[in-house]
Amino acid sequence: MRVRQARPEDVPSLVALFQELDRMQADWRVFTPRPGFYDEVGAKYREAMNNPDAVVLVAEDDEGPDGEVVGMAYGEARVPSRFSDERALELSGVVVRAGFRGRGVGRELVAEAARFASEREIDWVELKTFAPNRGAMEFWEELGFEARVIQLTAPTRALLDSLVER
């Protein structure tokens, strides 16, 4: 397994992996992707490849034909709090293709993202994941991530119905 910075020719593989991630998250998703969203994802990754505060990583299967892309991660330096100027590397789009999970691919992607953050003197790495996704939660917690902010959602109609009933 080899992790490297993505190149423009990797974008179709990145979008395909992002679509796989989207399918895996369908049961937990709150908001439905808009039409044309995957085209936007491809453009975002292309743009990020030229941004010194962003990293697009791919994991290649060095045992397969032509270094098949089997995993990816995207990270962007941001200031996540209105109360501080501290930056964090926000990880998103971390996905490993089915059949390659459990082999350390995700760990290697996260390690490379952490190296990227460290080189830029960024002290925090953050991410968002769906709490019902126990597999992802266990993975992130094993790496040392802890829940700090919880996003709660409720369907507007159900909320109004429950409030009117009281």
N, C-alpha and C. Protein backbone atom coordinates (compact mmCIF):
# COMPACT_ATOMS: atom_id res chain seq x y z
N MET A 1 0.84 -1.17 0.00
CA MET A 1 0.00 0.00 0.00
C MET A 1 0.89 1.24 0.00
N ARG A 2 0.53 2.20 -0.82
CA ARG A 2 1.28 3.44 -0.91
C ARG A 2 0.31 4.61 -0.85
N VAL A 3 0.59 5.59 0.02
CA VAL A 3 -0.22 6.79 0.12
C VAL A 3 0.57 7.93 -0.50
N ARG A 4 -0.10 8.71 -1.33
CA ARG A 4 0.56 9.84 -2.00
C ARG A 4 -0.45 10.96 -2.22
N GLN A 5 0.09 12.12 -2.58
CA GLN A 5 -0.78 13.24 -2.96
C GLN A 5 -1.49 12.88 -4.26
N ALA A 6 -2.74 13.26 -4.34
CA ALA A 6 -3.52 12.99 -5.55
C ALA A 6 -3.04 13.88 -6.70
N ARG A 7 -3.26 13.39 -7.90
CA ARG A 7 -2.95 14.14 -9.13
C ARG A 7 -4.25 14.34 -9.91
N PRO A 8 -4.28 15.30 -10.82
CA PRO A 8 -5.53 15.54 -11.57
C PRO A 8 -6.11 14.29 -12.23
N GLU A 9 -5.26 13.40 -12.69
CA GLU A 9 -5.78 12.19 -13.34
C GLU A 9 -6.45 11.22 -12.36
N ASP A 10 -6.30 11.47 -11.05
CA ASP A 10 -6.96 10.64 -10.03
C ASP A 10 -8.40 11.07 -9.77
N VAL A 11 -8.79 12.23 -10.25
CA VAL A 11 -10.10 12.79 -9.89
C VAL A 11 -11.26 11.83 -10.18
N PRO A 12 -11.33 11.15 -11.33
CA PRO A 12 -12.44 10.21 -11.53
C PRO A 12 -12.48 9.11 -10.45
N SER A 13 -11.33 8.61 -10.04
CA SER A 13 -11.29 7.60 -8.97
C SER A 13 -11.72 8.20 -7.65
N LEU A 14 -11.34 9.45 -7.38
CA LEU A 14 -11.74 10.12 -6.15
C LEU A 14 -13.25 10.30 -6.09
N VAL A 15 -13.83 10.73 -7.19
CA VAL A 15 -15.28 10.93 -7.24
C VAL A 15 -15.99 9.59 -7.05
N ALA A 16 -15.47 8.53 -7.67
CA ALA A 16 -16.08 7.20 -7.51
C ALA A 16 -16.01 6.75 -6.06
N LEU A 17 -14.89 6.99 -5.39
CA LEU A 17 -14.78 6.64 -3.97
C LEU A 17 -15.73 7.49 -3.13
N PHE A 18 -15.86 8.76 -3.45
CA PHE A 18 -16.78 9.62 -2.72
C PHE A 18 -18.21 9.12 -2.90
N GLN A 19 -18.55 8.66 -4.10
CA GLN A 19 -19.88 8.10 -4.34
C GLN A 19 -20.09 6.83 -3.50
N GLU A 20 -19.03 6.03 -3.36
CA GLU A 20 -19.13 4.83 -2.52
C GLU A 20 -19.37 5.24 -1.06
N LEU A 21 -18.67 6.25 -0.60
CA LEU A 21 -18.88 6.77 0.75
C LEU A 21 -20.31 7.26 0.92
N ASP A 22 -20.81 7.97 -0.07
CA ASP A 22 -22.18 8.49 -0.02
C ASP A 22 -23.19 7.34 0.08
N ARG A 23 -22.97 6.28 -0.67
CA ARG A 23 -23.88 5.12 -0.60
C ARG A 23 -23.81 4.47 0.79
N MET A 24 -22.61 4.38 1.36
CA MET A 24 -22.47 3.77 2.68
C MET A 24 -23.18 4.61 3.75
N GLN A 25 -23.22 5.93 3.55
CA GLN A 25 -23.80 6.82 4.54
C GLN A 25 -25.29 7.08 4.31
N ALA A 26 -25.86 6.49 3.31
CA ALA A 26 -27.25 6.78 2.94
C ALA A 26 -28.22 6.57 4.10
N ASP A 27 -27.99 5.56 4.94
CA ASP A 27 -28.90 5.29 6.06
C ASP A 27 -28.83 6.36 7.14
N TRP A 28 -27.73 7.10 7.20
CA TRP A 28 -27.54 8.09 8.27
C TRP A 28 -27.70 9.52 7.76
N ARG A 29 -27.71 9.69 6.47
CA ARG A 29 -27.73 11.03 5.89
C ARG A 29 -28.98 11.78 6.31
N VAL A 30 -28.80 13.04 6.61
CA VAL A 30 -29.92 13.91 6.95
C VAL A 30 -30.34 14.70 5.71
N PHE A 31 -29.36 15.25 5.01
CA PHE A 31 -29.64 16.12 3.87
C PHE A 31 -29.28 15.38 2.58
N THR A 32 -30.14 15.48 1.58
CA THR A 32 -29.96 14.80 0.30
C THR A 32 -29.03 15.60 -0.61
N PRO A 33 -28.06 14.94 -1.24
CA PRO A 33 -27.17 15.67 -2.16
C PRO A 33 -27.97 16.30 -3.31
N ARG A 34 -27.58 17.50 -3.69
CA ARG A 34 -28.26 18.22 -4.77
C ARG A 34 -27.77 17.71 -6.13
N PRO A 35 -28.56 17.94 -7.19
CA PRO A 35 -28.12 17.55 -8.54
C PRO A 35 -26.80 18.25 -8.87
N GLY A 36 -25.91 17.53 -9.50
CA GLY A 36 -24.62 18.08 -9.90
C GLY A 36 -23.58 18.07 -8.79
N PHE A 37 -23.94 17.53 -7.63
CA PHE A 37 -23.04 17.56 -6.47
C PHE A 37 -21.72 16.84 -6.76
N TYR A 38 -21.77 15.70 -7.43
CA TYR A 38 -20.53 14.95 -7.68
C TYR A 38 -19.59 15.69 -8.63
N ASP A 39 -20.14 16.47 -9.56
CA ASP A 39 -19.30 17.31 -10.41
C ASP A 39 -18.59 18.37 -9.55
N GLU A 40 -19.33 18.92 -8.57
CA GLU A 40 -18.74 19.90 -7.66
C GLU A 40 -17.62 19.28 -6.83
N VAL A 41 -17.82 18.03 -6.41
CA VAL A 41 -16.79 17.33 -5.63
C VAL A 41 -15.52 17.20 -6.46
N GLY A 42 -15.64 16.79 -7.72
CA GLY A 42 -14.47 16.67 -8.59
C GLY A 42 -13.75 18.00 -8.74
N ALA A 43 -14.51 19.07 -8.95
CA ALA A 43 -13.92 20.41 -9.09
C ALA A 43 -13.24 20.83 -7.79
N LYS A 44 -13.85 20.51 -6.66
CA LYS A 44 -13.27 20.86 -5.35
C LYS A 44 -11.92 20.16 -5.17
N TYR A 45 -11.85 18.89 -5.51
CA TYR A 45 -10.59 18.15 -5.37
C TYR A 45 -9.52 18.70 -6.32
N ARG A 46 -9.90 19.02 -7.54
CA ARG A 46 -8.93 19.61 -8.49
C ARG A 46 -8.38 20.92 -7.94
N GLU A 47 -9.27 21.76 -7.45
CA GLU A 47 -8.87 23.05 -6.90
C GLU A 47 -7.97 22.87 -5.67
N ALA A 48 -8.31 21.92 -4.83
CA ALA A 48 -7.55 21.68 -3.60
C ALA A 48 -6.11 21.23 -3.90
N MET A 49 -5.91 20.58 -5.03
CA MET A 49 -4.57 20.12 -5.38
C MET A 49 -3.60 21.29 -5.55
N ASN A 50 -4.11 22.50 -5.75
CA ASN A 50 -3.28 23.69 -5.90
C ASN A 50 -3.35 24.61 -4.70
N ASN A 51 -3.97 24.16 -3.62
CA ASN A 51 -4.14 24.96 -2.42
C ASN A 51 -3.13 24.49 -1.36
N PRO A 52 -2.22 25.36 -0.92
CA PRO A 52 -1.22 24.93 0.06
C PRO A 52 -1.82 24.59 1.43
N ASP A 53 -3.07 24.99 1.69
CA ASP A 53 -3.72 24.67 2.96
C ASP A 53 -4.67 23.48 2.85
N ALA A 54 -4.60 22.74 1.76
CA ALA A 54 -5.45 21.57 1.57
C ALA A 54 -4.60 20.40 1.09
N VAL A 55 -5.08 19.21 1.38
CA VAL A 55 -4.40 18.01 0.94
C VAL A 55 -5.43 17.01 0.44
N VAL A 56 -5.14 16.42 -0.70
CA VAL A 56 -5.96 15.35 -1.26
C VAL A 56 -5.03 14.15 -1.39
N LEU A 57 -5.37 13.10 -0.68
CA LEU A 57 -4.52 11.92 -0.63
C LEU A 57 -5.20 10.72 -1.26
N VAL A 58 -4.41 9.87 -1.86
CA VAL A 58 -4.91 8.60 -2.37
C VAL A 58 -4.04 7.48 -1.81
N ALA A 59 -4.68 6.34 -1.62
CA ALA A 59 -3.96 5.11 -1.27
C ALA A 59 -4.04 4.21 -2.48
N GLU A 60 -2.88 3.75 -2.90
CA GLU A 60 -2.81 2.85 -4.06
C GLU A 60 -2.48 1.44 -3.60
N ASP A 61 -3.10 0.49 -4.25
CA ASP A 61 -2.77 -0.91 -4.03
C ASP A 61 -1.54 -1.22 -4.87
N ASP A 62 -0.38 -1.32 -4.23
CA ASP A 62 0.84 -1.55 -5.01
C ASP A 62 1.00 -3.00 -5.44
N GLU A 63 0.06 -3.86 -5.04
CA GLU A 63 0.10 -5.25 -5.48
C GLU A 63 -0.82 -5.50 -6.68
N GLY A 64 -1.74 -4.57 -6.90
CA GLY A 64 -2.69 -4.73 -8.00
C GLY A 64 -2.15 -4.12 -9.28
N PRO A 65 -2.94 -4.22 -10.34
CA PRO A 65 -2.52 -3.67 -11.63
C PRO A 65 -2.56 -2.14 -11.62
N ASP A 66 -1.51 -1.54 -12.14
CA ASP A 66 -1.45 -0.10 -12.36
C ASP A 66 -1.71 0.76 -11.12
N GLY A 67 -1.39 0.28 -9.93
CA GLY A 67 -1.56 1.08 -8.74
C GLY A 67 -2.98 1.58 -8.54
N GLU A 68 -3.94 0.67 -8.51
CA GLU A 68 -5.35 1.00 -8.36
C GLU A 68 -5.58 1.84 -7.10
N VAL A 69 -6.35 2.92 -7.23
CA VAL A 69 -6.69 3.78 -6.10
C VAL A 69 -7.77 3.06 -5.28
N VAL A 70 -7.44 2.78 -4.00
CA VAL A 70 -8.35 2.03 -3.15
C VAL A 70 -8.80 2.82 -1.91
N GLY A 71 -8.29 4.02 -1.76
CA GLY A 71 -8.69 4.85 -0.63
C GLY A 71 -8.34 6.29 -0.87
N MET A 72 -8.99 7.17 -0.11
CA MET A 72 -8.74 8.60 -0.27
C MET A 72 -9.04 9.33 1.03
N ALA A 73 -8.50 10.52 1.13
CA ALA A 73 -8.82 11.42 2.24
C ALA A 73 -8.60 12.84 1.75
N TYR A 74 -9.43 13.73 2.23
CA TYR A 74 -9.32 15.15 1.91
C TYR A 74 -9.20 15.90 3.22
N GLY A 75 -8.30 16.86 3.27
CA GLY A 75 -8.17 17.69 4.46
C GLY A 75 -7.94 19.13 4.07
N GLU A 76 -8.50 20.03 4.87
CA GLU A 76 -8.33 21.46 4.60
C GLU A 76 -8.14 22.19 5.92
N ALA A 77 -7.14 23.06 5.97
CA ALA A 77 -6.89 23.86 7.16
C ALA A 77 -7.98 24.91 7.28
N ARG A 78 -8.55 25.01 8.47
CA ARG A 78 -9.64 25.96 8.73
C ARG A 78 -9.52 26.49 10.14
N VAL A 79 -10.21 27.56 10.39
CA VAL A 79 -10.38 28.07 11.76
C VAL A 79 -11.80 27.65 12.15
N PRO A 80 -11.94 26.58 12.95
CA PRO A 80 -13.26 26.02 13.21
C PRO A 80 -14.09 26.74 14.27
N SER A 81 -13.48 27.63 15.01
CA SER A 81 -14.20 28.27 16.11
C SER A 81 -14.25 29.78 15.94
N ARG A 82 -15.39 30.36 16.24
CA ARG A 82 -15.50 31.82 16.21
C ARG A 82 -14.77 32.44 17.39
N PHE A 83 -14.40 31.64 18.37
CA PHE A 83 -13.79 32.13 19.59
C PHE A 83 -12.27 32.12 19.57
N SER A 84 -11.68 31.57 18.53
CA SER A 84 -10.24 31.38 18.50
C SER A 84 -9.71 31.55 17.08
N ASP A 85 -8.44 31.85 16.99
CA ASP A 85 -7.78 31.91 15.68
C ASP A 85 -7.03 30.62 15.37
N GLU A 86 -7.09 29.65 16.28
CA GLU A 86 -6.38 28.39 16.06
C GLU A 86 -6.94 27.67 14.84
N ARG A 87 -6.02 27.12 14.06
CA ARG A 87 -6.44 26.35 12.89
C ARG A 87 -6.50 24.87 13.23
N ALA A 88 -7.32 24.17 12.48
CA ALA A 88 -7.41 22.72 12.56
C ALA A 88 -7.45 22.19 11.14
N LEU A 89 -6.97 20.98 10.96
CA LEU A 89 -7.12 20.32 9.67
C LEU A 89 -8.42 19.54 9.73
N GLU A 90 -9.39 19.95 8.92
CA GLU A 90 -10.67 19.24 8.87
C GLU A 90 -10.58 18.13 7.84
N LEU A 91 -10.67 16.90 8.31
CA LEU A 91 -10.66 15.74 7.42
C LEU A 91 -12.08 15.47 6.94
N SER A 92 -12.20 15.10 5.69
CA SER A 92 -13.50 14.68 5.16
C SER A 92 -13.25 13.75 3.99
N GLY A 93 -14.29 13.08 3.59
CA GLY A 93 -14.15 12.19 2.44
C GLY A 93 -13.14 11.09 2.65
N VAL A 94 -12.98 10.63 3.88
CA VAL A 94 -12.06 9.52 4.14
C VAL A 94 -12.82 8.24 3.84
N VAL A 95 -12.35 7.52 2.86
CA VAL A 95 -13.03 6.28 2.47
C VAL A 95 -12.02 5.29 1.93
N VAL A 96 -12.25 4.03 2.26
CA VAL A 96 -11.45 2.92 1.74
C VAL A 96 -12.41 1.99 1.02
N ARG A 97 -12.05 1.64 -0.17
CA ARG A 97 -12.90 0.77 -1.00
C ARG A 97 -13.20 -0.55 -0.29
N ALA A 98 -14.43 -1.02 -0.44
CA ALA A 98 -14.83 -2.32 0.10
C ALA A 98 -13.84 -3.36 -0.41
N GLY A 99 -13.47 -4.28 0.43
CA GLY A 99 -12.49 -5.30 0.07
C GLY A 99 -11.09 -4.93 0.51
N PHE A 100 -10.87 -3.66 0.83
CA PHE A 100 -9.56 -3.21 1.30
C PHE A 100 -9.62 -2.70 2.73
N ARG A 101 -10.82 -2.70 3.31
CA ARG A 101 -10.97 -2.22 4.69
C ARG A 101 -10.38 -3.25 5.65
N GLY A 102 -9.90 -2.75 6.77
CA GLY A 102 -9.30 -3.62 7.78
C GLY A 102 -7.86 -3.99 7.51
N ARG A 103 -7.25 -3.34 6.52
CA ARG A 103 -5.85 -3.64 6.16
C ARG A 103 -4.90 -2.50 6.51
N GLY A 104 -5.40 -1.49 7.22
CA GLY A 104 -4.55 -0.37 7.61
C GLY A 104 -4.52 0.78 6.63
N VAL A 105 -5.33 0.70 5.58
CA VAL A 105 -5.35 1.75 4.56
C VAL A 105 -5.81 3.07 5.17
N GLY A 106 -6.91 3.03 5.92
CA GLY A 106 -7.43 4.24 6.55
C GLY A 106 -6.42 4.85 7.51
N ARG A 107 -5.75 4.01 8.29
CA ARG A 107 -4.74 4.50 9.22
C ARG A 107 -3.61 5.21 8.47
N GLU A 108 -3.18 4.66 7.36
CA GLU A 108 -2.10 5.28 6.58
C GLU A 108 -2.54 6.63 6.02
N LEU A 109 -3.78 6.70 5.54
CA LEU A 109 -4.29 7.97 5.03
C LEU A 109 -4.33 9.02 6.13
N VAL A 110 -4.82 8.63 7.31
CA VAL A 110 -4.90 9.58 8.43
C VAL A 110 -3.50 9.98 8.90
N ALA A 111 -2.57 9.04 8.92
CA ALA A 111 -1.20 9.36 9.32
C ALA A 111 -0.59 10.39 8.37
N GLU A 112 -0.82 10.24 7.08
CA GLU A 112 -0.28 11.20 6.12
C GLU A 112 -0.96 12.56 6.28
N ALA A 113 -2.25 12.57 6.55
CA ALA A 113 -2.95 13.84 6.79
C ALA A 113 -2.40 14.51 8.05
N ALA A 114 -2.12 13.72 9.08
CA ALA A 114 -1.55 14.28 10.31
C ALA A 114 -0.15 14.85 10.06
N ARG A 115 0.63 14.19 9.23
CA ARG A 115 1.95 14.73 8.87
C ARG A 115 1.81 16.07 8.14
N PHE A 116 0.84 16.15 7.25
CA PHE A 116 0.55 17.40 6.54
C PHE A 116 0.24 18.50 7.55
N ALA A 117 -0.63 18.20 8.52
CA ALA A 117 -1.00 19.19 9.55
C ALA A 117 0.23 19.59 10.37
N SER A 118 1.02 18.62 10.76
CA SER A 118 2.19 18.90 11.58
C SER A 118 3.19 19.80 10.85
N GLU A 119 3.40 19.54 9.56
CA GLU A 119 4.32 20.36 8.76
C GLU A 119 3.86 21.81 8.69
N ARG A 120 2.56 22.05 8.85
CA ARG A 120 2.01 23.40 8.79
C ARG A 120 1.74 23.97 10.19
N GLU A 121 2.26 23.26 11.20
CA GLU A 121 2.10 23.66 12.60
C GLU A 121 0.63 23.82 12.99
N ILE A 122 -0.18 22.89 12.51
CA ILE A 122 -1.59 22.83 12.86
C ILE A 122 -1.72 21.79 13.97
N ASP A 123 -2.23 22.23 15.12
CA ASP A 123 -2.24 21.39 16.31
C ASP A 123 -3.42 20.44 16.44
N TRP A 124 -4.46 20.64 15.63
CA TRP A 124 -5.66 19.82 15.76
C TRP A 124 -6.09 19.25 14.42
N VAL A 125 -6.61 18.03 14.45
CA VAL A 125 -7.27 17.41 13.30
C VAL A 125 -8.69 17.14 13.75
N GLU A 126 -9.65 17.54 12.94
CA GLU A 126 -11.06 17.34 13.28
C GLU A 126 -11.78 16.70 12.11
N LEU A 127 -12.95 16.15 12.40
CA LEU A 127 -13.77 15.55 11.36
C LEU A 127 -15.19 15.45 11.85
N LYS A 128 -16.06 15.17 10.92
CA LYS A 128 -17.46 14.91 11.23
C LYS A 128 -17.79 13.53 10.69
N THR A 129 -18.57 12.79 11.46
CA THR A 129 -19.03 11.49 11.01
C THR A 129 -20.42 11.27 11.59
N PHE A 130 -21.12 10.30 11.07
CA PHE A 130 -22.46 10.01 11.54
C PHE A 130 -22.38 9.10 12.76
N ALA A 131 -22.96 9.53 13.88
CA ALA A 131 -22.90 8.77 15.13
C ALA A 131 -23.46 7.35 15.00
N PRO A 132 -24.53 7.12 14.21
CA PRO A 132 -25.03 5.75 14.09
C PRO A 132 -24.08 4.80 13.35
N ASN A 133 -23.09 5.35 12.67
CA ASN A 133 -22.13 4.52 11.92
C ASN A 133 -21.09 3.99 12.91
N ARG A 134 -21.45 2.92 13.60
CA ARG A 134 -20.60 2.37 14.66
C ARG A 134 -19.21 1.99 14.16
N GLY A 135 -19.12 1.45 12.95
CA GLY A 135 -17.80 1.08 12.42
C GLY A 135 -16.88 2.28 12.30
N ALA A 136 -17.41 3.37 11.75
CA ALA A 136 -16.60 4.59 11.62
C ALA A 136 -16.28 5.17 12.98
N MET A 137 -17.27 5.20 13.87
CA MET A 137 -17.03 5.75 15.21
C MET A 137 -15.92 4.97 15.92
N GLU A 138 -15.96 3.67 15.84
CA GLU A 138 -14.92 2.84 16.47
C GLU A 138 -13.55 3.12 15.86
N PHE A 139 -13.50 3.22 14.54
CA PHE A 139 -12.24 3.52 13.85
C PHE A 139 -11.65 4.83 14.36
N TRP A 140 -12.47 5.90 14.37
CA TRP A 140 -11.96 7.21 14.78
C TRP A 140 -11.59 7.23 16.25
N GLU A 141 -12.39 6.59 17.09
CA GLU A 141 -12.07 6.56 18.52
C GLU A 141 -10.79 5.79 18.79
N GLU A 142 -10.54 4.70 18.04
CA GLU A 142 -9.29 3.95 18.19
C GLU A 142 -8.08 4.81 17.85
N LEU A 143 -8.27 5.77 16.95
CA LEU A 143 -7.17 6.66 16.58
C LEU A 143 -7.00 7.82 17.56
N GLY A 144 -7.91 7.94 18.52
CA GLY A 144 -7.79 8.98 19.53
C GLY A 144 -8.75 10.15 19.38
N PHE A 145 -9.64 10.10 18.42
CA PHE A 145 -10.63 11.17 18.26
C PHE A 145 -11.69 11.03 19.35
N GLU A 146 -12.16 12.18 19.84
CA GLU A 146 -13.22 12.22 20.85
C GLU A 146 -14.31 13.16 20.38
N ALA A 147 -15.54 12.82 20.72
CA ALA A 147 -16.67 13.71 20.39
C ALA A 147 -16.55 14.97 21.23
N ARG A 148 -16.61 16.12 20.58
CA ARG A 148 -16.55 17.41 21.26
C ARG A 148 -17.80 18.24 21.00
N VAL A 149 -18.31 18.18 19.79
CA VAL A 149 -19.51 18.94 19.41
C VAL A 149 -20.49 17.93 18.83
N ILE A 150 -21.72 18.01 19.26
CA ILE A 150 -22.74 17.11 18.75
C ILE A 150 -23.73 17.93 17.94
N GLN A 151 -23.99 17.52 16.72
CA GLN A 151 -25.00 18.17 15.88
C GLN A 151 -26.29 17.37 16.03
N LEU A 152 -27.34 18.05 16.43
CA LEU A 152 -28.65 17.42 16.57
C LEU A 152 -29.55 17.92 15.45
N THR A 153 -30.35 17.04 14.89
CA THR A 153 -31.29 17.43 13.84
C THR A 153 -32.66 16.85 14.16
N ALA A 154 -33.69 17.53 13.69
CA ALA A 154 -35.06 17.04 13.82
C ALA A 154 -35.83 17.50 12.59
N PRO A 155 -36.68 16.64 12.05
CA PRO A 155 -37.54 17.09 10.95
C PRO A 155 -38.46 18.20 11.45
N THR A 156 -38.56 19.27 10.71
CA THR A 156 -39.36 20.42 11.12
C THR A 156 -40.79 20.03 11.46
N ARG A 157 -41.43 19.26 10.59
CA ARG A 157 -42.84 18.90 10.80
C ARG A 157 -42.99 18.09 12.09
N ALA A 158 -42.13 17.12 12.33
CA ALA A 158 -42.21 16.32 13.55
C ALA A 158 -41.96 17.19 14.78
N LEU A 159 -41.05 18.13 14.68
CA LEU A 159 -40.77 19.03 15.79
C LEU A 159 -41.99 19.88 16.11
N LEU A 160 -42.59 20.45 15.07
CA LEU A 160 -43.80 21.27 15.29
C LEU A 160 -44.94 20.43 15.88
N ASP A 161 -45.10 19.22 15.35
CA ASP A 161 -46.15 18.34 15.87
C ASP A 161 -45.93 18.03 17.35
N SER A 162 -44.70 17.74 17.73
CA SER A 162 -44.43 17.40 19.13
C SER A 162 -44.58 18.61 20.05
N LEU A 163 -44.27 19.78 19.54
CA LEU A 163 -44.40 20.99 20.36
C LEU A 163 -45.85 21.42 20.52
N VAL A 164 -46.65 21.22 19.48
CA VAL A 164 -48.06 21.59 19.52
C VAL A 164 -48.82 20.64 20.45
N GLU A 165 -48.42 19.38 20.50
CA GLU A 165 -49.09 18.39 21.34
C GLU A 165 -48.94 18.71 22.81
N ARG A 166 -47.91 19.39 23.19
CA ARG A 166 -47.65 19.67 24.61
C ARG A 166 -48.49 20.78 25.03
